[in-house]
Each structure stands twice: as structure tokens, then as C-alpha cells.
PDB file of N, CA and C in Angstrom:
ATOM      1  N   MET A   1       0.916  -1.208   0.015  1.00  0.00           N
ATOM      2  CA  MET A   1      -0.008   0.027  -0.051  1.00  0.00           C
ATOM      3  C   MET A   1       0.843   1.282   0.095  1.00  0.00           C
ATOM      4  N   ASP A   2       0.718   2.203  -0.863  1.00  0.00           N
ATOM      5  CA  ASP A   2       1.311   3.350  -0.966  1.00  0.00           C
ATOM      6  C   ASP A   2       0.687   4.407   0.164  1.00  0.00           C
ATOM      7  N   LYS A   3       1.639   4.844   0.945  1.00  0.00           N
ATOM      8  CA  LYS A   3       1.191   5.706   2.061  1.00  0.00           C
ATOM      9  C   LYS A   3       1.434   7.205   1.744  1.00  0.00           C
ATOM     10  N   ARG A   4       1.917   7.389   0.573  1.00  0.00           N
ATOM     11  CA  ARG A   4       2.211   8.842   0.101  1.00  0.00           C
ATOM     12  C   ARG A   4       0.945   9.523  -0.278  1.00  0.00           C
ATOM     13  N   ALA A   5       0.784  10.640   0.283  1.00  0.00           N
ATOM     14  CA  ALA A   5      -0.473  11.510  -0.083  1.00  0.00           C
ATOM     15  C   ALA A   5      -0.530  11.553  -1.583  1.00  0.00           C
ATOM     16  N   VAL A   6      -1.718  11.627  -2.066  1.00  0.00           N
ATOM     17  CA  VAL A   6      -2.021  11.726  -3.563  1.00  0.00           C
ATOM     18  C   VAL A   6      -1.200  12.820  -4.109  1.00  0.00           C
ATOM     19  N   HIS A   7      -1.300  14.001  -3.485  1.00  0.00           N
ATOM     20  CA  HIS A   7      -0.499  15.365  -4.147  1.00  0.00           C
ATOM     21  C   HIS A   7       0.901  15.413  -3.799  1.00  0.00           C
ATOM     22  N   VAL A   8       1.571  14.417  -3.348  1.00  0.00           N
ATOM     23  CA  VAL A   8       2.907  14.393  -2.924  1.00  0.00           C
ATOM     24  C   VAL A   8       3.652  13.742  -4.018  1.00  0.00           C
ATOM     25  N   GLU A   9       4.609  14.457  -4.591  1.00  0.00           N
ATOM     26  CA  GLU A   9       5.508  13.895  -5.626  1.00  0.00           C
ATOM     27  C   GLU A   9       6.766  13.605  -5.064  1.00  0.00           C
ATOM     28  N   ALA A  10       7.554  12.584  -5.455  1.00  0.00           N
ATOM     29  CA  ALA A  10       8.844  12.088  -4.877  1.00  0.00           C
ATOM     30  C   ALA A  10       9.913  12.132  -5.923  1.00  0.00           C
ATOM     31  N   THR A  11      11.003  12.717  -5.787  1.00  0.00           N
ATOM     32  CA  THR A  11      12.009  12.739  -6.733  1.00  0.00           C
ATOM     33  C   THR A  11      13.520  12.313  -6.043  1.00  0.00           C
ATOM     34  N   ILE A  12      14.188  11.415  -6.449  1.00  0.00           N
ATOM     35  CA  ILE A  12      15.482  11.153  -5.825  1.00  0.00           C
ATOM     36  C   ILE A  12      16.663  11.887  -6.663  1.00  0.00           C
ATOM     37  N   HIS A  13      17.445  12.589  -6.280  1.00  0.00           N
ATOM     38  CA  HIS A  13      18.521  13.140  -6.978  1.00  0.00           C
ATOM     39  C   HIS A  13      19.761  12.416  -6.377  1.00  0.00           C
ATOM     40  N   SER A  14      20.431  11.701  -7.086  1.00  0.00           N
ATOM     41  CA  SER A  14      21.504  10.732  -6.655  1.00  0.00           C
ATOM     42  C   SER A  14      22.511  10.452  -7.766  1.00  0.00           C
ATOM     43  N   ARG A  15      23.660   9.839  -7.279  1.00  0.00           N
ATOM     44  CA  ARG A  15      24.541   9.265  -8.318  1.00  0.00           C
ATOM     45  C   ARG A  15      23.990   7.871  -8.830  1.00  0.00           C
ATOM     46  N   TYR A  16      24.347   7.488 -10.006  1.00  0.00           N
ATOM     47  CA  TYR A  16      23.796   6.194 -10.446  1.00  0.00           C
ATOM     48  C   TYR A  16      24.501   4.977  -9.730  1.00  0.00           C
ATOM     49  N   TYR A  17      23.792   4.101  -9.208  1.00  0.00           N
ATOM     50  CA  TYR A  17      24.247   2.770  -8.923  1.00  0.00           C
ATOM     51  C   TYR A  17      23.145   1.693  -9.406  1.00  0.00           C
ATOM     52  N   GLU A  18      23.702   0.649  -9.947  1.00  0.00           N
ATOM     53  CA  GLU A  18      22.961  -0.313 -10.681  1.00  0.00           C
ATOM     54  C   GLU A  18      21.884  -1.013  -9.671  1.00  0.00           C
ATOM     55  N   SER A  19      22.345  -1.333  -8.446  1.00  0.00           N
ATOM     56  CA  SER A  19      21.467  -1.914  -7.419  1.00  0.00           C
ATOM     57  C   SER A  19      20.438  -0.956  -7.055  1.00  0.00           C
ATOM     58  N   PHE A  20      20.729   0.340  -7.013  1.00  0.00           N
ATOM     59  CA  PHE A  20      19.736   1.354  -6.596  1.00  0.00           C
ATOM     60  C   PHE A  20      18.612   1.354  -7.771  1.00  0.00           C
ATOM     61  N   GLN A  21      18.962   1.343  -8.862  1.00  0.00           N
ATOM     62  CA  GLN A  21      18.139   1.427 -10.037  1.00  0.00           C
ATOM     63  C   GLN A  21      17.263   0.255 -10.002  1.00  0.00           C
ATOM     64  N   THR A  22      17.816  -0.947  -9.740  1.00  0.00           N
ATOM     65  CA  THR A  22      16.981  -2.108  -9.646  1.00  0.00           C
ATOM     66  C   THR A  22      15.850  -2.008  -8.515  1.00  0.00           C
ATOM     67  N   ASP A  23      16.342  -1.570  -7.445  1.00  0.00           N
ATOM     68  CA  ASP A  23      15.235  -1.368  -6.343  1.00  0.00           C
ATOM     69  C   ASP A  23      14.243  -0.414  -6.697  1.00  0.00           C
ATOM     70  N   LEU A  24      14.654   0.763  -7.361  1.00  0.00           N
ATOM     71  CA  LEU A  24      13.573   1.793  -7.754  1.00  0.00           C
ATOM     72  C   LEU A  24      12.623   1.313  -8.736  1.00  0.00           C
ATOM     73  N   LYS A  25      13.156   0.423  -9.744  1.00  0.00           N
ATOM     74  CA  LYS A  25      12.271  -0.176 -10.783  1.00  0.00           C
ATOM     75  C   LYS A  25      11.225  -0.901 -10.016  1.00  0.00           C
ATOM     76  N   LYS A  26      11.775  -1.818  -8.988  1.00  0.00           N
ATOM     77  CA  LYS A  26      10.667  -2.610  -8.337  1.00  0.00           C
ATOM     78  C   LYS A  26       9.736  -1.776  -7.531  1.00  0.00           C
ATOM     79  N   HIS A  27      10.215  -0.752  -6.904  1.00  0.00           N
ATOM     80  CA  HIS A  27       9.172   0.073  -6.291  1.00  0.00           C
ATOM     81  C   HIS A  27       8.267   0.696  -7.179  1.00  0.00           C
ATOM     82  N   ASN A  28       8.740   1.241  -8.317  1.00  0.00           N
ATOM     83  CA  ASN A  28       7.879   1.960  -9.286  1.00  0.00           C
ATOM     84  C   ASN A  28       6.740   0.907  -9.979  1.00  0.00           C
ATOM     85  N   GLU A  29       7.142  -0.369  -9.997  1.00  0.00           N
ATOM     86  CA  GLU A  29       6.179  -1.264 -10.490  1.00  0.00           C
ATOM     87  C   GLU A  29       5.026  -1.625  -9.580  1.00  0.00           C
ATOM     88  N   GLN A  30       5.305  -1.398  -8.317  1.00  0.00           N
ATOM     89  CA  GLN A  30       4.244  -1.725  -7.193  1.00  0.00           C
ATOM     90  C   GLN A  30       3.569  -0.449  -6.754  1.00  0.00           C
ATOM     91  N   TYR A  31       4.153   0.679  -6.696  1.00  0.00           N
ATOM     92  CA  TYR A  31       3.698   1.896  -6.049  1.00  0.00           C
ATOM     93  C   TYR A  31       3.686   3.039  -7.061  1.00  0.00           C
ATOM     94  N   ARG A  32       3.185   4.208  -6.633  1.00  0.00           N
ATOM     95  CA  ARG A  32       3.259   5.405  -7.537  1.00  0.00           C
ATOM     96  C   ARG A  32       4.873   5.795  -7.719  1.00  0.00           C
ATOM     97  N   GLU A  33       5.124   6.295  -8.910  1.00  0.00           N
ATOM     98  CA  GLU A  33       6.377   6.397  -9.442  1.00  0.00           C
ATOM     99  C   GLU A  33       7.208   7.410  -8.574  1.00  0.00           C
ATOM    100  N   ILE A  34       8.397   7.015  -8.322  1.00  0.00           N
ATOM    101  CA  ILE A  34       9.415   8.088  -7.729  1.00  0.00           C
ATOM    102  C   ILE A  34      10.322   8.427  -8.876  1.00  0.00           C
ATOM    103  N   MET A  35      10.412   9.651  -9.137  1.00  0.00           N
ATOM    104  CA  MET A  35      11.281  10.084 -10.347  1.00  0.00           C
ATOM    105  C   MET A  35      12.750  10.015  -9.862  1.00  0.00           C
ATOM    106  N   PHE A  36      13.689   9.771 -10.762  1.00  0.00           N
ATOM    107  CA  PHE A  36      15.148   9.819 -10.609  1.00  0.00           C
ATOM    108  C   PHE A  36      15.798  10.794 -11.391  1.00  0.00           C
ATOM    109  N   VAL A  37      16.740  11.642 -10.682  1.00  0.00           N
ATOM    110  CA  VAL A  37      17.603  12.634 -11.517  1.00  0.00           C
ATOM    111  C   VAL A  37      18.970  12.060 -11.133  1.00  0.00           C
ATOM    112  N   GLN A  38      19.739  11.720 -12.170  1.00  0.00           N
ATOM    113  CA  GLN A  38      21.090  11.495 -12.006  1.00  0.00           C
ATOM    114  C   GLN A  38      22.051  12.700 -11.774  1.00  0.00           C
ATOM    115  N   LEU A  39      22.817  12.606 -10.609  1.00  0.00           N
ATOM    116  CA  LEU A  39      23.719  13.745 -10.287  1.00  0.00           C
ATOM    117  C   LEU A  39      25.210  13.390 -10.958  1.00  0.00           C
ATOM    118  N   PRO A  40      25.729  14.365 -11.228  1.00  0.00           N
ATOM    119  CA  PRO A  40      27.279  14.086 -11.568  1.00  0.00           C
ATOM    120  C   PRO A  40      28.099  13.281 -10.469  1.00  0.00           C
ATOM    121  N   HIS A  41      28.996  12.463 -10.926  1.00  0.00           N
ATOM    122  CA  HIS A  41      29.751  11.740 -10.003  1.00  0.00           C
ATOM    123  C   HIS A  41      30.600  12.582  -9.070  1.00  0.00           C
ATOM    124  N   ARG A  42      30.870  13.676  -9.243  1.00  0.00           N
ATOM    125  CA  ARG A  42      31.567  14.519  -8.265  1.00  0.00           C
ATOM    126  C   ARG A  42      30.833  14.769  -6.997  1.00  0.00           C
ATOM    127  N   ASN A  43      29.753  14.455  -7.020  1.00  0.00           N
ATOM    128  CA  ASN A  43      28.873  14.898  -5.757  1.00  0.00           C
ATOM    129  C   ASN A  43      28.840  13.755  -4.754  1.00  0.00           C
ATOM    130  N   HIS A  44      29.215  14.151  -3.504  1.00  0.00           N
ATOM    131  CA  HIS A  44      29.288  12.925  -2.574  1.00  0.00           C
ATOM    132  C   HIS A  44      28.280  13.163  -1.465  1.00  0.00           C
ATOM    133  N   ASP A  45      27.898  14.388  -1.005  1.00  0.00           N
ATOM    134  CA  ASP A  45      27.058  14.617  -0.059  1.00  0.00           C
ATOM    135  C   ASP A  45      25.652  14.182  -0.396  1.00  0.00           C
ATOM    136  N   ARG A  46      24.845  13.801   0.626  1.00  0.00           N
ATOM    137  CA  ARG A  46      23.387  13.481   0.417  1.00  0.00           C
ATOM    138  C   ARG A  46      22.526  14.397   1.148  1.00  0.00           C
ATOM    139  N   PHE A  47      21.518  14.807   0.400  1.00  0.00           N
ATOM    140  CA  PHE A  47      20.557  15.808   1.003  1.00  0.00           C
ATOM    141  C   PHE A  47      19.183  15.071   0.995  1.00  0.00           C
ATOM    142  N   LEU A  48      18.395  15.513   1.994  1.00  0.00           N
ATOM    143  CA  LEU A  48      17.086  15.092   1.990  1.00  0.00           C
ATOM    144  C   LEU A  48      16.145  16.505   2.096  1.00  0.00           C
ATOM    145  N   ILE A  49      15.285  16.505   1.017  1.00  0.00           N
ATOM    146  CA  ILE A  49      14.508  17.735   1.034  1.00  0.00           C
ATOM    147  C   ILE A  49      13.001  17.417   1.264  1.00  0.00           C
ATOM    148  N   ILE A  50      12.414  17.996   2.192  1.00  0.00           N
ATOM    149  CA  ILE A  50      10.943  17.743   2.573  1.00  0.00           C
ATOM    150  C   ILE A  50      10.431  19.114   2.444  1.00  0.00           C
ATOM    151  N   ASP A  51       9.380  19.265   1.598  1.00  0.00           N
ATOM    152  CA  ASP A  51       8.702  20.526   1.286  1.00  0.00           C
ATOM    153  C   ASP A  51       9.883  21.602   1.129  1.00  0.00           C
ATOM    154  N   ASN A  52       9.899  22.681   1.907  1.00  0.00           N
ATOM    155  CA  ASN A  52      10.936  23.640   1.693  1.00  0.00           C
ATOM    156  C   ASN A  52      12.050  23.519   2.499  1.00  0.00           C
ATOM    157  N   ASP A  53      12.266  22.412   3.353  1.00  0.00           N
ATOM    158  CA  ASP A  53      13.333  22.147   4.326  1.00  0.00           C
ATOM    159  C   ASP A  53      14.338  21.160   3.661  1.00  0.00           C
ATOM    160  N   VAL A  54      15.595  21.622   3.999  1.00  0.00           N
ATOM    161  CA  VAL A  54      16.853  20.760   3.290  1.00  0.00           C
ATOM    162  C   VAL A  54      17.729  20.317   4.504  1.00  0.00           C
ATOM    163  N   TYR A  55      17.953  19.049   4.535  1.00  0.00           N
ATOM    164  CA  TYR A  55      18.814  18.414   5.581  1.00  0.00           C
ATOM    165  C   TYR A  55      19.965  17.750   4.746  1.00  0.00           C
ATOM    166  N   LEU A  56      21.132  17.938   5.407  1.00  0.00           N
ATOM    167  CA  LEU A  56      22.368  17.274   5.049  1.00  0.00           C
ATOM    168  C   LEU A  56      22.474  16.031   5.825  1.00  0.00           C
ATOM    169  N   LEU A  57      22.695  14.958   5.251  1.00  0.00           N
ATOM    170  CA  LEU A  57      22.793  13.668   5.757  1.00  0.00           C
ATOM    171  C   LEU A  57      24.256  13.380   5.924  1.00  0.00           C
ATOM    172  N   GLY A  58      24.681  12.969   7.179  1.00  0.00           N
ATOM    173  CA  GLY A  58      26.022  12.753   7.398  1.00  0.00           C
ATOM    174  C   GLY A  58      26.491  11.329   7.177  1.00  0.00           C
ATOM    175  N   ALA A  59      25.663  10.618   6.672  1.00  0.00           N
ATOM    176  CA  ALA A  59      25.927   9.190   6.184  1.00  0.00           C
ATOM    177  C   ALA A  59      25.276   8.739   5.092  1.00  0.00           C
ATOM    178  N   SER A  60      25.658   7.619   4.375  1.00  0.00           N
ATOM    179  CA  SER A  60      24.916   7.137   3.461  1.00  0.00           C
ATOM    180  C   SER A  60      23.705   6.512   4.092  1.00  0.00           C
ATOM    181  N   VAL A  61      22.545   6.527   3.372  1.00  0.00           N
ATOM    182  CA  VAL A  61      21.363   6.113   3.933  1.00  0.00           C
ATOM    183  C   VAL A  61      21.352   4.632   4.245  1.00  0.00           C
ATOM    184  N   LYS A  62      22.136   3.693   3.403  1.00  0.00           N
ATOM    185  CA  LYS A  62      22.286   2.278   3.842  1.00  0.00           C
ATOM    186  C   LYS A  62      23.134   2.183   5.213  1.00  0.00           C
ATOM    187  N   ASP A  63      23.897   3.167   5.648  1.00  0.00           N
ATOM    188  CA  ASP A  63      24.596   3.025   6.837  1.00  0.00           C
ATOM    189  C   ASP A  63      23.905   3.694   7.926  1.00  0.00           C
ATOM    190  N   MET A  64      22.941   4.520   7.766  1.00  0.00           N
ATOM    191  CA  MET A  64      22.156   5.107   8.958  1.00  0.00           C
ATOM    192  C   MET A  64      21.847   4.025   9.935  1.00  0.00           C
ATOM    193  N   GLY A  65      21.941   4.287  11.217  1.00  0.00           N
ATOM    194  CA  GLY A  65      21.486   3.418  12.233  1.00  0.00           C
ATOM    195  C   GLY A  65      22.562   2.475  12.625  1.00  0.00           C
ATOM    196  N   VAL A  66      23.724   2.342  11.825  1.00  0.00           N
ATOM    197  CA  VAL A  66      24.674   1.452  12.154  1.00  0.00           C
ATOM    198  C   VAL A  66      25.639   2.096  13.245  1.00  0.00           C
ATOM    199  N   GLY A  67      25.909   3.403  13.164  1.00  0.00           N
ATOM    200  CA  GLY A  67      26.815   4.142  14.030  1.00  0.00           C
ATOM    201  C   GLY A  67      26.151   5.550  14.231  1.00  0.00           C
ATOM    202  N   MET A  68      27.045   6.455  14.771  1.00  0.00           N
ATOM    203  CA  MET A  68      26.638   7.808  14.867  1.00  0.00           C
ATOM    204  C   MET A  68      26.497   8.560  13.560  1.00  0.00           C
ATOM    205  N   CYS A  69      25.517   9.202  13.451  1.00  0.00           N
ATOM    206  CA  CYS A  69      25.030   9.902  12.136  1.00  0.00           C
ATOM    207  C   CYS A  69      24.473  11.393  12.418  1.00  0.00           C
ATOM    208  N   ALA A  70      24.998  12.341  11.872  1.00  0.00           N
ATOM    209  CA  ALA A  70      24.393  13.571  12.110  1.00  0.00           C
ATOM    210  C   ALA A  70      23.603  14.030  10.824  1.00  0.00           C
ATOM    211  N   VAL A  71      22.360  14.548  11.242  1.00  0.00           N
ATOM    212  CA  VAL A  71      21.538  15.104  10.250  1.00  0.00           C
ATOM    213  C   VAL A  71      21.359  16.525  10.534  1.00  0.00           C
ATOM    214  N   THR A  72      21.622  17.504   9.623  1.00  0.00           N
ATOM    215  CA  THR A  72      21.816  18.910   9.891  1.00  0.00           C
ATOM    216  C   THR A  72      20.757  19.536   8.983  1.00  0.00           C
ATOM    217  N   LYS A  73      19.867  20.378   9.540  1.00  0.00           N
ATOM    218  CA  LYS A  73      19.050  21.263   8.793  1.00  0.00           C
ATOM    219  C   LYS A  73      19.767  22.401   8.264  1.00  0.00           C
ATOM    220  N   MET A  74      19.566  22.647   6.956  1.00  0.00           N
ATOM    221  CA  MET A  74      20.399  23.770   6.374  1.00  0.00           C
ATOM    222  C   MET A  74      19.414  25.058   6.199  1.00  0.00           C
ATOM    223  N   GLU A  75      20.219  26.089   5.954  1.00  0.00           N
ATOM    224  CA  GLU A  75      19.322  27.369   5.777  1.00  0.00           C
ATOM    225  C   GLU A  75      19.062  27.458   4.363  1.00  0.00           C
ATOM    226  N   ALA A  76      19.829  26.951   3.441  1.00  0.00           N
ATOM    227  CA  ALA A  76      19.572  27.046   2.097  1.00  0.00           C
ATOM    228  C   ALA A  76      18.290  26.485   1.579  1.00  0.00           C
ATOM    229  N   SER A  77      17.735  27.059   0.497  1.00  0.00           N
ATOM    230  CA  SER A  77      16.505  26.610  -0.272  1.00  0.00           C
ATOM    231  C   SER A  77      16.701  25.411  -0.885  1.00  0.00           C
ATOM    232  N   PRO A  78      15.681  24.556  -1.231  1.00  0.00           N
ATOM    233  CA  PRO A  78      15.850  23.431  -2.076  1.00  0.00           C
ATOM    234  C   PRO A  78      16.368  23.883  -3.476  1.00  0.00           C
ATOM    235  N   GLU A  79      16.026  24.983  -3.898  1.00  0.00           N
ATOM    236  CA  GLU A  79      16.309  25.599  -5.433  1.00  0.00           C
ATOM    237  C   GLU A  79      17.854  25.769  -5.389  1.00  0.00           C
ATOM    238  N   THR A  80      18.329  26.280  -4.176  1.00  0.00           N
ATOM    239  CA  THR A  80      19.762  26.651  -4.213  1.00  0.00           C
ATOM    240  C   THR A  80      20.680  25.379  -4.223  1.00  0.00           C
ATOM    241  N   ILE A  81      20.292  24.475  -3.324  1.00  0.00           N
ATOM    242  CA  ILE A  81      20.974  23.176  -3.248  1.00  0.00           C
ATOM    243  C   ILE A  81      20.933  22.510  -4.526  1.00  0.00           C
ATOM    244  N   LEU A  82      19.656  22.265  -5.188  1.00  0.00           N
ATOM    245  CA  LEU A  82      19.637  21.652  -6.511  1.00  0.00           C
ATOM    246  C   LEU A  82      20.344  22.302  -7.574  1.00  0.00           C
ATOM    247  N   GLY A  83      20.504  23.676  -7.530  1.00  0.00           N
ATOM    248  CA  GLY A  83      21.165  24.438  -8.589  1.00  0.00           C
ATOM    249  C   GLY A  83      22.688  24.081  -8.427  1.00  0.00           C
ATOM    250  N   LEU A  84      23.241  24.042  -7.130  1.00  0.00           N
ATOM    251  CA  LEU A  84      24.629  23.778  -7.005  1.00  0.00           C
ATOM    252  C   LEU A  84      25.096  22.312  -7.295  1.00  0.00           C
ATOM    253  N   LEU A  85      24.191  21.381  -7.215  1.00  0.00           N
ATOM    254  CA  LEU A  85      24.373  20.001  -7.558  1.00  0.00           C
ATOM    255  C   LEU A  85      24.504  19.669  -8.984  1.00  0.00           C
ATOM    256  N   LYS A  86      24.023  20.556  -9.831  1.00  0.00           N
ATOM    257  CA  LYS A  86      23.999  20.343 -11.477  1.00  0.00           C
ATOM    258  C   LYS A  86      25.490  20.458 -11.870  1.00  0.00           C
TER     259      LYS A  86
END
């Protein structure tokens, strides 16, 4: 069951990883589509954008919960961050 509200769109901005693409394809076959935007390989940081709030994730999502990880709310707008990542 898709728990995302009808009016909420989801887009992941990330570097390309074959295993990620496989998981995303499986998700999109079962639930409402999550769009994917490939970032240049020079980007390492991970950002989470919820509405107009931007968070910098201090670890890979796959490693979160394994050890200490900082999540920092940033003052920059989503448009600023996405513009810098291109």
C-alpha cells in the first residue's frame, strides 16, 4: 500500500548505482512512481528535501542506524541546493 499522499511527488537526486536502479524499478512497478535525477559523479554529500526544508545527511542512507550519524537542517533553499548539484 502506498502511504504517500496523492498530491505528494517524490524525486530522488543521486549518483547512479545499478543496485539502486533495480530497487527503484521494483518500487515503481508496485507503487506510485518516484522520479530519478542522476547527479554528476563528483557529488558525494546526501541531501533530504522535505517541502521547503533541506537536511544534510552525514552518512549514506544504507549506513544510517549502524553508528553515529548527524542530520543537519540547512538554511539554504531546495532550489539553491539543487542548482549547486548540477
